[in-house]
Amino acid sequence: MTHPFLRRDWFIAALAAVIAAVVIVYMLVPRPTYLDSYYHYNAAARLAQGDGLTDMALWTHLGLPPELVLPATVTPSHLYWMPMSALLSGVSMAVFGVSMDAAQIPMAVCFAGALLVAVLAGGWVTQTRRGTWLALALAILSGGFVDVWGEIDTFAPYALFGGLALAAMIAARERGRVWLWAAAGVLGGLGHLTRSDGLLLPIVGVLAALSAPRGRYVSAAAVAVGYLLTMAPWFVRMLDVVGAPLPLGGLQTAYMTDYAQIFTYPWRTLSLGDVGIGPLLQSRVEPLLINFGVFAVAQGNLLLWPFMLWGLFRANRHLLITVGLFALGLHAAMTFVFAWPGARGGLFHGAAALIPWWAALTAYSVDALARRLSRRRPRRRTLNWVAVTAIILLIAGFMTALSVRRASSDAPPYIEAIRPYVMPGDRVASVDPPEVAYWLGAGGVVLPYAAPDVLAQLAEDFDLDLLIVTGVEVGSDGPTSSALPEPLRPMLAALPPSLTLEADLGATHVYRFVR
């Protein structure tokens, strides 16, 4: 595919991408704001400090090594999530010091790179300079994604590696070069190292190669070899840690009928026989509705998703075989297979790889609509394009402005409330162990989806000292907390023998384990 940009245009676009990335990353995200981001930051900091890929705070018990020595206070990290975000930020913090600013450097670089992928895609798809600039603007005005690009998470890296992998596949199908197919495999491997659903990238790459006009089997082999070479070190690490090349715990989430089951302890192997096909299908209805909202609102800025789809089906057929197949596979997997993880953020995270391409395809549809509106009056085509573009940018800008929520740099109130009770060396069970570890330096585990009588075993297995319950409310039926897994809520009315109340801070309770 040819590109309409000149060298000067590329320089200006790169400068604009860097400025936009730095402003969005550093102005909107002064610190981690949710569990995933805390987790990746903590892992990166431990890596930078020479502790390797290890955890001191478990957010799920899924995938723990079968031979884990108990009591366990430090465990291998990334037994559920993939390591790329922590690797990138860990290297940055090793060079520039352990801080949020240093951890965000790779996020800013990756986001700037993803914006340039939108420029590349916009030029390929629209074949016009103005369409290319529009694609860049739409990628910057990324709606619900705008305040997560700076998080220490998978968003920015996946947008870069996933977007580039799709670009390499499209270029390879058009030019038939083996090295481009190999590059697609390498980039697919980097995407998989970023997210588990990144495995779709090399799968789509192989399918795209097998349907290519020439050199099908050699091309497919090049994708596979590039992917395997990239992933080989991670396969070796996981074989050493858990005896399998990839984390196995995540596969069990396919049989969950409730997201809270991800916190079950001791973890039991879910199977179709345990759940039943009826309850499994019924449990997919709510994720289907949630994920449609993720597509239409988060990815499509509420009103722009018809433009995305119109562009996908009207643009070059290579895009339908690559971008279209990846988008279909991602949404299907996160809705019908891994439904609850998908509805609780998996699809939102995975869709980051599509953002540069959705921007380009929307720009293509704007040009197509302007042409249709100008069929009777061709001279008004530019005016119509400006009018449609203004409306599109207004919608994207409005949705982006609604999504901007700059977090405070201060610790959450409950962290300040429990700070006097968490002594150095204490280990804590809580709803968000990575958050507690980030602010207080205390390791621990997540509150289990289990009855209160399991807490004694949990404390023994992970050497726990304290248990924190947030969101406590007192109603007519006694105290309750929506933050507690439902099977644990009876403990608020009748404490198990393994716990004593250390402090009642109103909405937050601090309990101490009895040894």
Protein backbone atom coordinates (compact mmCIF):
# COMPACT_ATOMS: atom_id res chain seq x y z
CA MET A 1 0.00 0.00 0.00
CA THR A 2 1.18 3.51 -0.75
CA HIS A 3 1.05 6.28 1.84
CA PRO A 4 0.25 9.92 1.07
CA PHE A 5 2.54 11.42 3.73
CA LEU A 6 5.83 13.07 2.84
CA ARG A 7 8.84 12.99 5.15
CA ARG A 8 7.88 16.41 6.54
CA ASP A 9 4.37 15.15 7.32
CA TRP A 10 5.78 12.17 9.18
CA PHE A 11 8.02 14.45 11.25
CA ILE A 12 5.09 16.69 12.21
CA ALA A 13 2.90 13.67 13.00
CA ALA A 14 5.63 12.13 15.18
CA LEU A 15 6.05 15.40 17.06
CA ALA A 16 2.28 15.69 17.57
CA ALA A 17 2.10 12.05 18.73
CA VAL A 18 4.87 12.52 21.29
CA ILE A 19 3.36 15.73 22.67
CA ALA A 20 -0.12 14.19 22.89
CA ALA A 21 1.23 11.02 24.53
CA VAL A 22 3.26 12.88 27.16
CA VAL A 23 0.38 15.22 28.03
CA ILE A 24 -2.22 12.43 28.26
CA VAL A 25 0.01 10.00 30.16
CA TYR A 26 1.49 12.39 32.72
CA MET A 27 -1.40 14.80 33.25
CA LEU A 28 -4.19 12.26 33.64
CA VAL A 29 -2.50 9.44 35.57
CA PRO A 30 -0.37 10.62 38.53
CA ARG A 31 -0.44 7.16 40.14
CA PRO A 32 -1.98 3.70 39.62
CA THR A 33 -5.73 3.88 40.11
CA TYR A 34 -7.00 0.28 40.02
CA LEU A 35 -5.89 -3.26 40.84
CA ASP A 36 -4.32 -4.19 37.48
CA SER A 37 -2.19 -1.07 37.37
CA TYR A 38 -1.06 -1.46 40.99
CA TYR A 39 -0.15 -5.07 40.25
CA HIS A 40 1.99 -4.35 37.19
CA TYR A 41 3.67 -1.40 38.93
CA ASN A 42 4.55 -3.50 41.99
CA ALA A 43 5.94 -6.30 39.81
CA ALA A 44 7.98 -3.78 37.80
CA ALA A 45 9.36 -2.20 40.97
CA ARG A 46 10.42 -5.58 42.35
CA LEU A 47 12.06 -6.40 39.04
CA ALA A 48 13.93 -3.08 39.06
CA GLN A 49 15.10 -3.72 42.63
CA GLY A 50 16.57 -7.10 41.73
CA ASP A 51 13.79 -9.35 43.08
CA GLY A 52 12.96 -10.84 39.67
CA LEU A 53 9.44 -11.58 38.49
CA THR A 54 7.91 -12.18 41.90
CA ASP A 55 4.82 -11.14 43.87
CA MET A 56 4.39 -10.18 47.50
CA ALA A 57 0.66 -9.55 47.03
CA LEU A 58 -1.63 -12.10 45.34
CA TRP A 59 -4.77 -10.74 43.68
CA THR A 60 -5.98 -14.25 42.71
CA HIS A 61 -5.02 -17.77 43.67
CA LEU A 62 -5.42 -18.99 40.10
CA GLY A 63 -2.43 -20.68 38.56
CA LEU A 64 -0.29 -21.03 41.70
CA PRO A 65 2.50 -23.59 41.26
CA PRO A 66 1.36 -27.06 42.37
CA GLU A 67 4.59 -27.47 44.35
CA LEU A 68 4.32 -24.10 46.15
CA VAL A 69 6.07 -24.28 49.51
CA LEU A 70 3.79 -23.10 52.33
CA PRO A 71 3.58 -20.76 54.09
CA ALA A 72 4.23 -18.57 51.04
CA THR A 73 5.09 -14.89 51.38
CA VAL A 74 6.73 -14.44 47.96
CA THR A 75 5.43 -16.21 44.85
CA PRO A 76 6.30 -16.13 41.14
CA SER A 77 4.51 -13.26 39.41
CA HIS A 78 2.35 -13.24 36.28
CA LEU A 79 0.73 -16.61 36.75
CA TYR A 80 -2.49 -15.15 35.31
CA TRP A 81 -1.55 -11.98 33.44
CA MET A 82 1.28 -11.65 30.93
CA PRO A 83 4.50 -9.78 31.83
CA MET A 84 5.19 -7.17 29.12
CA SER A 85 3.96 -4.11 31.02
CA ALA A 86 6.00 -5.01 34.09
CA LEU A 87 9.06 -5.80 31.95
CA LEU A 88 8.92 -2.44 30.18
CA SER A 89 8.34 -0.38 33.32
CA GLY A 90 10.80 -2.50 35.30
CA VAL A 91 13.62 -1.78 32.85
CA SER A 92 12.73 1.91 32.87
CA MET A 93 12.76 2.05 36.67
CA ALA A 94 16.05 0.16 36.79
CA VAL A 95 17.56 2.94 34.68
CA PHE A 96 15.79 6.04 36.03
CA GLY A 97 14.87 5.00 39.57
CA VAL A 98 11.76 3.48 41.13
CA SER A 99 8.98 6.01 40.66
CA MET A 100 5.69 6.40 38.84
CA ASP A 101 7.24 8.92 36.46
CA ALA A 102 9.92 6.43 35.42
CA ALA A 103 7.40 3.60 35.13
CA GLN A 104 5.29 5.69 32.75
CA ILE A 105 8.09 6.40 30.26
CA PRO A 106 7.45 3.16 28.29
CA MET A 107 3.69 3.82 28.42
CA ALA A 108 4.19 7.25 26.84
CA VAL A 109 6.53 5.80 24.20
CA CYS A 110 4.11 2.98 23.38
CA PHE A 111 1.14 5.33 23.17
CA ALA A 112 3.04 7.68 20.86
CA GLY A 113 3.94 4.65 18.75
CA ALA A 114 0.29 3.55 18.66
CA LEU A 115 -0.70 7.02 17.44
CA LEU A 116 1.80 6.64 14.60
CA VAL A 117 0.24 3.26 13.79
CA ALA A 118 -3.01 5.19 13.36
CA VAL A 119 -1.17 7.55 11.00
CA LEU A 120 0.16 4.59 9.02
CA ALA A 121 -3.25 2.93 8.91
CA GLY A 122 -5.02 6.17 8.07
CA GLY A 123 -2.77 6.78 5.08
CA TRP A 124 -3.15 3.22 3.83
CA VAL A 125 -6.92 3.20 4.17
CA THR A 126 -7.89 6.71 3.05
CA GLN A 127 -5.01 7.38 0.63
CA THR A 128 -5.36 11.09 1.49
CA ARG A 129 -3.34 13.42 3.68
CA ARG A 130 -6.44 14.89 5.30
CA GLY A 131 -7.80 11.42 6.07
CA THR A 132 -4.48 10.53 7.66
CA TRP A 133 -4.53 13.60 9.89
CA LEU A 134 -8.10 12.79 10.86
CA ALA A 135 -7.08 9.26 11.86
CA LEU A 136 -4.39 10.72 14.13
CA ALA A 137 -6.86 13.12 15.71
CA LEU A 138 -9.40 10.34 16.35
CA ALA A 139 -6.73 8.12 17.91
CA ILE A 140 -5.81 10.95 20.28
CA LEU A 141 -9.49 11.58 21.09
CA SER A 142 -9.86 7.96 22.13
CA GLY A 143 -12.95 8.30 24.31
CA GLY A 144 -13.06 5.88 27.22
CA PHE A 145 -9.43 4.92 26.67
CA VAL A 146 -8.02 8.41 27.20
CA ASP A 147 -7.44 8.12 30.94
CA VAL A 148 -5.92 4.62 30.89
CA TRP A 149 -3.07 5.10 28.41
CA GLY A 150 -0.83 6.24 31.26
CA GLU A 151 -1.65 3.39 33.62
CA ILE A 152 1.03 0.76 34.22
CA ASP A 153 -1.08 -1.74 32.35
CA THR A 154 -1.43 -3.39 28.97
CA PHE A 155 -3.33 -0.63 27.13
CA ALA A 156 -0.50 1.35 25.52
CA PRO A 157 1.84 -1.62 24.82
CA TYR A 158 -1.00 -3.66 23.31
CA ALA A 159 -2.15 -0.78 21.13
CA LEU A 160 1.40 -0.57 19.75
CA PHE A 161 2.32 -4.25 19.35
CA GLY A 162 -1.17 -5.40 18.38
CA GLY A 163 -1.69 -2.51 15.97
CA LEU A 164 1.72 -3.08 14.37
CA ALA A 165 1.15 -6.84 14.08
CA LEU A 166 -2.04 -6.21 12.11
CA ALA A 167 -0.18 -3.67 9.94
CA ALA A 168 2.56 -6.22 9.21
CA MET A 169 -0.05 -8.81 8.17
CA ILE A 170 -1.73 -6.36 5.80
CA ALA A 171 1.60 -5.35 4.25
CA ALA A 172 2.65 -8.99 3.95
CA ARG A 173 -0.57 -9.98 2.17
CA GLU A 174 -0.13 -7.15 -0.31
CA ARG A 175 3.61 -7.52 -0.96
CA GLY A 176 4.07 -11.25 -0.38
CA ARG A 177 7.40 -10.83 1.43
CA VAL A 178 8.38 -13.60 3.83
CA TRP A 179 10.20 -11.19 6.14
CA LEU A 180 6.96 -9.25 6.63
CA TRP A 181 5.18 -12.44 7.65
CA ALA A 182 8.01 -13.20 10.08
CA ALA A 183 7.71 -9.65 11.44
CA ALA A 184 3.99 -10.25 11.94
CA GLY A 185 4.87 -13.36 13.94
CA VAL A 186 7.39 -11.48 16.11
CA LEU A 187 4.94 -8.64 16.74
CA GLY A 188 2.21 -11.19 17.47
CA GLY A 189 4.55 -12.73 20.03
CA LEU A 190 5.14 -9.33 21.63
CA GLY A 191 1.37 -8.86 21.68
CA HIS A 192 0.93 -12.23 23.39
CA LEU A 193 3.61 -11.32 25.93
CA THR A 194 1.46 -8.29 26.68
CA ARG A 195 -1.94 -9.99 26.95
CA SER A 196 -3.20 -13.56 26.95
CA ASP A 197 -5.69 -12.75 24.19
CA GLY A 198 -2.67 -11.65 22.14
CA LEU A 199 -2.49 -15.30 21.11
CA LEU A 200 -5.18 -14.30 18.60
CA LEU A 201 -2.61 -12.22 16.72
CA PRO A 202 -0.39 -15.10 15.50
CA ILE A 203 -3.51 -17.21 14.89
CA VAL A 204 -4.93 -14.46 12.66
CA GLY A 205 -1.49 -14.11 11.08
CA VAL A 206 -1.36 -17.79 10.14
CA LEU A 207 -4.91 -17.70 8.76
CA ALA A 208 -4.14 -14.54 6.81
CA ALA A 209 -1.02 -16.19 5.38
CA LEU A 210 -2.90 -19.35 4.40
CA SER A 211 -5.42 -17.23 2.50
CA ALA A 212 -2.76 -15.06 0.84
CA PRO A 213 -2.45 -14.97 -2.96
CA ARG A 214 0.98 -16.66 -3.00
CA GLY A 215 3.50 -18.54 -0.86
CA ARG A 216 0.87 -19.64 1.62
CA TYR A 217 2.65 -22.40 3.52
CA VAL A 218 6.02 -20.67 3.66
CA SER A 219 4.31 -17.49 4.84
CA ALA A 220 2.35 -19.31 7.55
CA ALA A 221 5.56 -21.02 8.70
CA ALA A 222 7.30 -17.63 8.89
CA VAL A 223 4.54 -16.30 11.16
CA ALA A 224 4.79 -19.36 13.41
CA VAL A 225 8.60 -19.23 13.61
CA GLY A 226 8.62 -15.51 14.41
CA TYR A 227 6.04 -16.04 17.13
CA LEU A 228 7.75 -19.07 18.69
CA LEU A 229 11.17 -17.42 18.76
CA THR A 230 9.70 -14.40 20.54
CA MET A 231 7.77 -16.44 23.09
CA ALA A 232 10.42 -19.12 23.73
CA PRO A 233 12.00 -17.45 26.82
CA TRP A 234 8.58 -17.06 28.43
CA PHE A 235 7.66 -20.66 27.65
CA VAL A 236 10.88 -21.80 29.35
CA ARG A 237 10.18 -19.67 32.41
CA MET A 238 6.63 -20.94 32.79
CA LEU A 239 7.67 -24.57 32.31
CA ASP A 240 10.13 -24.10 35.15
CA VAL A 241 7.59 -22.39 37.43
CA VAL A 242 4.31 -24.25 36.85
CA GLY A 243 5.22 -27.08 34.48
CA ALA A 244 3.29 -25.65 31.51
CA PRO A 245 4.35 -23.21 28.77
CA LEU A 246 1.50 -20.78 29.56
CA PRO A 247 -0.55 -19.93 32.67
CA LEU A 248 -3.27 -22.55 33.06
CA GLY A 249 -5.43 -20.82 35.63
CA GLY A 250 -6.94 -18.42 33.13
CA LEU A 251 -8.35 -21.31 31.08
CA GLN A 252 -10.56 -22.28 34.00
CA THR A 253 -12.34 -18.93 33.85
CA ALA A 254 -14.16 -20.22 30.77
CA TYR A 255 -16.40 -22.19 33.14
CA MET A 256 -17.20 -19.36 35.55
CA THR A 257 -20.83 -18.32 35.95
CA ASP A 258 -19.93 -15.43 38.28
CA TYR A 259 -16.81 -13.25 38.16
CA ALA A 260 -16.34 -13.55 41.93
CA GLN A 261 -15.40 -17.21 41.41
CA ILE A 262 -12.00 -15.98 40.25
CA PHE A 263 -11.18 -15.44 43.96
CA THR A 264 -12.13 -18.97 45.07
CA TYR A 265 -9.78 -20.51 47.64
CA PRO A 266 -8.68 -23.26 47.70
CA TRP A 267 -9.00 -23.13 43.93
CA ARG A 268 -10.97 -25.99 42.48
CA THR A 269 -10.80 -26.99 38.83
CA LEU A 270 -14.00 -25.90 37.15
CA SER A 271 -15.28 -28.06 34.32
CA LEU A 272 -18.31 -28.10 32.08
CA GLY A 273 -19.60 -31.09 34.04
CA ASP A 274 -19.46 -29.12 37.30
CA VAL A 275 -21.36 -26.16 35.88
CA GLY A 276 -23.71 -27.56 33.26
CA ILE A 277 -24.39 -26.25 29.79
CA GLY A 278 -27.66 -24.51 30.79
CA PRO A 279 -26.25 -22.29 33.57
CA LEU A 280 -23.17 -21.65 31.46
CA LEU A 281 -25.23 -20.31 28.55
CA GLN A 282 -27.50 -18.28 30.84
CA SER A 283 -24.47 -16.67 32.43
CA ARG A 284 -23.41 -15.30 29.01
CA VAL A 285 -26.40 -12.99 28.61
CA GLU A 286 -25.15 -10.25 30.94
CA PRO A 287 -21.59 -10.27 29.51
CA LEU A 288 -23.09 -10.01 26.02
CA LEU A 289 -24.91 -6.81 26.96
CA ILE A 290 -21.88 -5.39 28.78
CA ASN A 291 -19.55 -6.14 25.90
CA PHE A 292 -21.87 -4.54 23.37
CA GLY A 293 -21.61 -1.42 25.51
CA VAL A 294 -17.82 -1.71 25.49
CA PHE A 295 -17.86 -1.92 21.70
CA ALA A 296 -20.37 0.86 21.06
CA VAL A 297 -19.38 3.30 23.81
CA ALA A 298 -15.73 2.70 24.70
CA GLN A 299 -14.46 1.73 21.25
CA GLY A 300 -17.07 3.54 19.16
CA ASN A 301 -17.53 6.77 21.12
CA LEU A 302 -21.26 5.98 21.37
CA LEU A 303 -22.15 7.17 17.85
CA LEU A 304 -19.09 6.43 15.72
CA TRP A 305 -19.17 2.62 15.68
CA PRO A 306 -21.29 2.51 12.47
CA PHE A 307 -18.48 4.44 10.77
CA MET A 308 -15.96 1.90 12.06
CA LEU A 309 -17.90 -1.04 10.69
CA TRP A 310 -18.73 0.70 7.41
CA GLY A 311 -15.05 1.41 6.88
CA LEU A 312 -14.11 -2.16 7.75
CA PHE A 313 -16.45 -3.69 5.18
CA ARG A 314 -15.82 -1.12 2.45
CA ALA A 315 -12.04 -0.69 2.71
CA ASN A 316 -9.32 -2.92 1.29
CA ARG A 317 -10.19 -6.64 1.60
CA HIS A 318 -6.88 -7.29 3.35
CA LEU A 319 -8.21 -5.35 6.34
CA LEU A 320 -11.30 -7.53 6.56
CA ILE A 321 -9.16 -10.68 6.67
CA THR A 322 -6.82 -9.29 9.34
CA VAL A 323 -8.37 -6.48 11.39
CA GLY A 324 -11.88 -7.86 10.90
CA LEU A 325 -10.92 -11.40 11.86
CA PHE A 326 -9.00 -10.23 14.93
CA ALA A 327 -11.88 -8.00 16.06
CA LEU A 328 -14.40 -10.82 15.58
CA GLY A 329 -12.22 -13.34 17.42
CA LEU A 330 -11.55 -10.97 20.31
CA HIS A 331 -15.20 -10.06 20.84
CA ALA A 332 -16.37 -13.65 20.49
CA ALA A 333 -13.77 -15.02 22.90
CA MET A 334 -14.45 -12.32 25.50
CA THR A 335 -18.22 -12.75 25.25
CA PHE A 336 -18.88 -16.46 24.81
CA VAL A 337 -15.76 -18.23 26.13
CA PHE A 338 -14.05 -16.09 28.77
CA ALA A 339 -17.28 -14.20 29.36
CA TRP A 340 -16.88 -12.87 32.88
CA PRO A 341 -13.24 -11.80 32.69
CA GLY A 342 -14.13 -10.28 29.30
CA ALA A 343 -17.07 -8.32 30.69
CA ARG A 344 -15.07 -7.16 33.71
CA GLY A 345 -12.35 -5.53 31.64
CA GLY A 346 -10.84 -8.16 29.36
CA LEU A 347 -12.55 -6.90 26.21
CA PHE A 348 -11.83 -3.27 27.09
CA HIS A 349 -8.13 -4.08 27.53
CA GLY A 350 -7.93 -6.25 24.40
CA ALA A 351 -9.65 -3.66 22.21
CA ALA A 352 -6.68 -1.32 22.69
CA ALA A 353 -5.01 -3.07 19.74
CA LEU A 354 -7.92 -2.00 17.54
CA ILE A 355 -7.98 1.69 18.46
CA PRO A 356 -5.47 2.82 15.76
CA TRP A 357 -7.41 0.85 13.15
CA TRP A 358 -10.85 2.01 14.26
CA ALA A 359 -9.56 5.59 13.94
CA ALA A 360 -8.32 4.92 10.39
CA LEU A 361 -11.52 3.16 9.33
CA THR A 362 -13.66 5.97 10.75
CA ALA A 363 -11.60 8.46 8.72
CA TYR A 364 -12.21 6.32 5.62
CA SER A 365 -15.97 6.35 6.25
CA VAL A 366 -15.96 10.13 6.68
CA ASP A 367 -14.43 10.47 3.21
CA ALA A 368 -16.88 7.93 1.78
CA LEU A 369 -19.85 9.76 3.29
CA ALA A 370 -18.60 13.10 1.94
CA ARG A 371 -18.36 11.55 -1.54
CA ARG A 372 -21.92 10.26 -1.33
CA LEU A 373 -23.24 13.62 -0.18
CA SER A 374 -21.47 15.27 -3.11
CA ARG A 375 -22.67 13.05 -5.93
CA ARG A 376 -24.99 15.71 -7.32
CA ARG A 377 -22.66 18.61 -6.50
CA PRO A 378 -19.05 17.38 -6.79
CA ARG A 379 -17.68 20.83 -6.08
CA ARG A 380 -19.06 20.67 -2.55
CA ARG A 381 -17.12 17.53 -1.68
CA THR A 382 -14.47 19.37 0.35
CA LEU A 383 -17.11 21.39 2.17
CA ASN A 384 -19.08 18.25 2.95
CA TRP A 385 -15.93 16.53 4.19
CA VAL A 386 -15.21 19.44 6.52
CA ALA A 387 -18.78 19.39 7.83
CA VAL A 388 -18.81 15.64 8.48
CA THR A 389 -15.33 15.79 10.00
CA ALA A 390 -16.39 18.57 12.35
CA ILE A 391 -19.36 16.51 13.57
CA ILE A 392 -17.20 13.40 14.04
CA LEU A 393 -14.53 15.31 15.96
CA LEU A 394 -17.19 17.00 18.08
CA ILE A 395 -18.62 13.60 19.07
CA ALA A 396 -15.18 12.12 19.75
CA GLY A 397 -14.08 15.17 21.70
CA PHE A 398 -17.26 15.22 23.79
CA MET A 399 -16.98 11.53 24.69
CA THR A 400 -13.31 11.95 25.48
CA ALA A 401 -13.99 14.92 27.73
CA LEU A 402 -16.63 12.87 29.58
CA SER A 403 -14.06 10.12 30.15
CA VAL A 404 -11.34 12.33 31.64
CA ARG A 405 -11.09 11.69 35.37
CA ARG A 406 -7.73 12.75 36.71
CA ALA A 407 -7.00 10.82 39.88
CA SER A 408 -5.68 12.49 43.01
CA SER A 409 -2.07 11.76 43.84
CA ASP A 410 -3.10 11.13 47.46
CA ALA A 411 -3.74 7.71 48.94
CA PRO A 412 -7.39 6.53 49.12
CA PRO A 413 -9.12 7.39 52.42
CA TYR A 414 -9.28 3.79 53.62
CA ILE A 415 -5.51 3.44 53.18
CA GLU A 416 -4.94 6.45 55.47
CA ALA A 417 -7.45 4.99 57.93
CA ILE A 418 -5.67 1.63 58.25
CA ARG A 419 -2.12 2.99 58.08
CA PRO A 420 -1.67 3.18 61.91
CA TYR A 421 -2.64 -0.50 62.24
CA VAL A 422 -0.35 -1.98 59.57
CA MET A 423 3.07 -2.50 61.09
CA PRO A 424 6.28 -3.18 59.12
CA GLY A 425 6.34 -6.83 58.09
CA ASP A 426 2.59 -7.34 58.47
CA ARG A 427 0.81 -9.35 55.79
CA VAL A 428 -2.74 -8.37 54.92
CA ALA A 429 -5.80 -9.99 53.36
CA SER A 430 -7.88 -7.38 51.53
CA VAL A 431 -10.04 -6.72 48.49
CA ASP A 432 -7.09 -5.10 46.65
CA PRO A 433 -3.74 -6.50 47.88
CA PRO A 434 -1.68 -4.73 45.17
CA GLU A 435 -3.11 -1.37 46.29
CA VAL A 436 -2.26 -2.08 49.94
CA ALA A 437 1.24 -3.19 48.91
CA TYR A 438 1.78 -0.02 46.83
CA TRP A 439 0.81 2.41 49.62
CA LEU A 440 1.85 0.53 52.77
CA GLY A 441 4.50 -1.93 51.58
CA ALA A 442 2.53 -4.82 53.09
CA GLY A 443 2.28 -8.09 51.22
CA GLY A 444 -0.75 -10.31 51.38
CA VAL A 445 -3.56 -11.99 49.48
CA VAL A 446 -7.02 -11.25 48.16
CA LEU A 447 -10.10 -12.00 50.26
CA PRO A 448 -11.33 -15.42 49.13
CA TYR A 449 -14.62 -16.41 47.56
CA ALA A 450 -15.22 -18.88 50.36
CA ALA A 451 -16.96 -19.36 53.69
CA PRO A 452 -15.47 -17.70 56.81
CA ASP A 453 -14.15 -21.02 58.15
CA VAL A 454 -11.61 -21.09 55.28
CA LEU A 455 -9.88 -17.97 56.62
CA ALA A 456 -7.85 -19.88 59.21
CA GLN A 457 -6.29 -22.06 56.48
CA LEU A 458 -5.71 -19.00 54.29
CA ALA A 459 -3.88 -17.25 57.12
CA GLU A 460 -1.71 -20.29 57.75
CA ASP A 461 -0.88 -20.86 54.06
CA PHE A 462 0.16 -17.23 53.44
CA ASP A 463 1.36 -16.13 56.91
CA LEU A 464 -1.30 -13.43 57.31
CA ASP A 465 -1.59 -10.97 60.21
CA LEU A 466 -4.50 -8.67 59.32
CA LEU A 467 -7.74 -8.72 57.35
CA ILE A 468 -9.25 -5.50 56.01
CA VAL A 469 -12.92 -5.07 55.10
CA THR A 470 -14.02 -1.88 53.33
CA GLY A 471 -17.44 -0.53 52.40
CA VAL A 472 -19.10 -1.70 55.63
CA GLU A 473 -22.71 -0.58 56.06
CA VAL A 474 -25.12 -1.31 58.91
CA GLY A 475 -28.67 -2.07 57.84
CA SER A 476 -31.77 -3.61 59.37
CA ASP A 477 -30.26 -7.07 58.92
CA GLY A 478 -26.97 -6.11 60.52
CA PRO A 479 -23.61 -5.13 59.00
CA THR A 480 -22.78 -5.99 55.42
CA SER A 481 -20.26 -5.00 52.75
CA SER A 482 -20.60 -5.17 48.99
CA ALA A 483 -16.79 -5.25 48.82
CA LEU A 484 -16.74 -8.64 50.54
CA PRO A 485 -17.24 -11.80 48.46
CA GLU A 486 -20.76 -12.97 49.22
CA PRO A 487 -19.81 -16.23 51.01
CA LEU A 488 -17.63 -14.21 53.43
CA ARG A 489 -20.28 -11.66 54.46
CA PRO A 490 -21.59 -13.67 57.46
CA MET A 491 -18.27 -12.94 59.22
CA LEU A 492 -19.41 -9.35 59.85
CA ALA A 493 -22.23 -10.61 62.08
CA ALA A 494 -20.42 -13.58 63.62
CA LEU A 495 -16.62 -13.62 63.60
CA PRO A 496 -14.95 -17.00 63.06
CA PRO A 497 -12.57 -18.11 65.82
CA SER A 498 -9.59 -17.24 63.64
CA LEU A 499 -10.29 -13.48 63.82
CA THR A 500 -10.59 -10.70 66.38
CA LEU A 501 -11.73 -7.14 65.72
CA GLU A 502 -8.72 -4.83 65.88
CA ALA A 503 -10.46 -1.56 64.94
CA ASP A 504 -13.92 -0.43 63.86
CA LEU A 505 -13.29 2.63 61.67
CA GLY A 506 -16.86 2.97 60.45
CA ALA A 507 -16.88 1.94 56.80
CA THR A 508 -13.58 0.10 57.30
CA HIS A 509 -12.92 -2.74 59.75
CA VAL A 510 -9.50 -4.06 60.71
CA TYR A 511 -9.31 -7.65 61.98
CA ARG A 512 -6.34 -9.56 63.35
CA PHE A 513 -5.77 -13.26 62.79
CA VAL A 514 -5.56 -15.32 65.97
CA ARG A 515 -2.52 -17.59 65.98
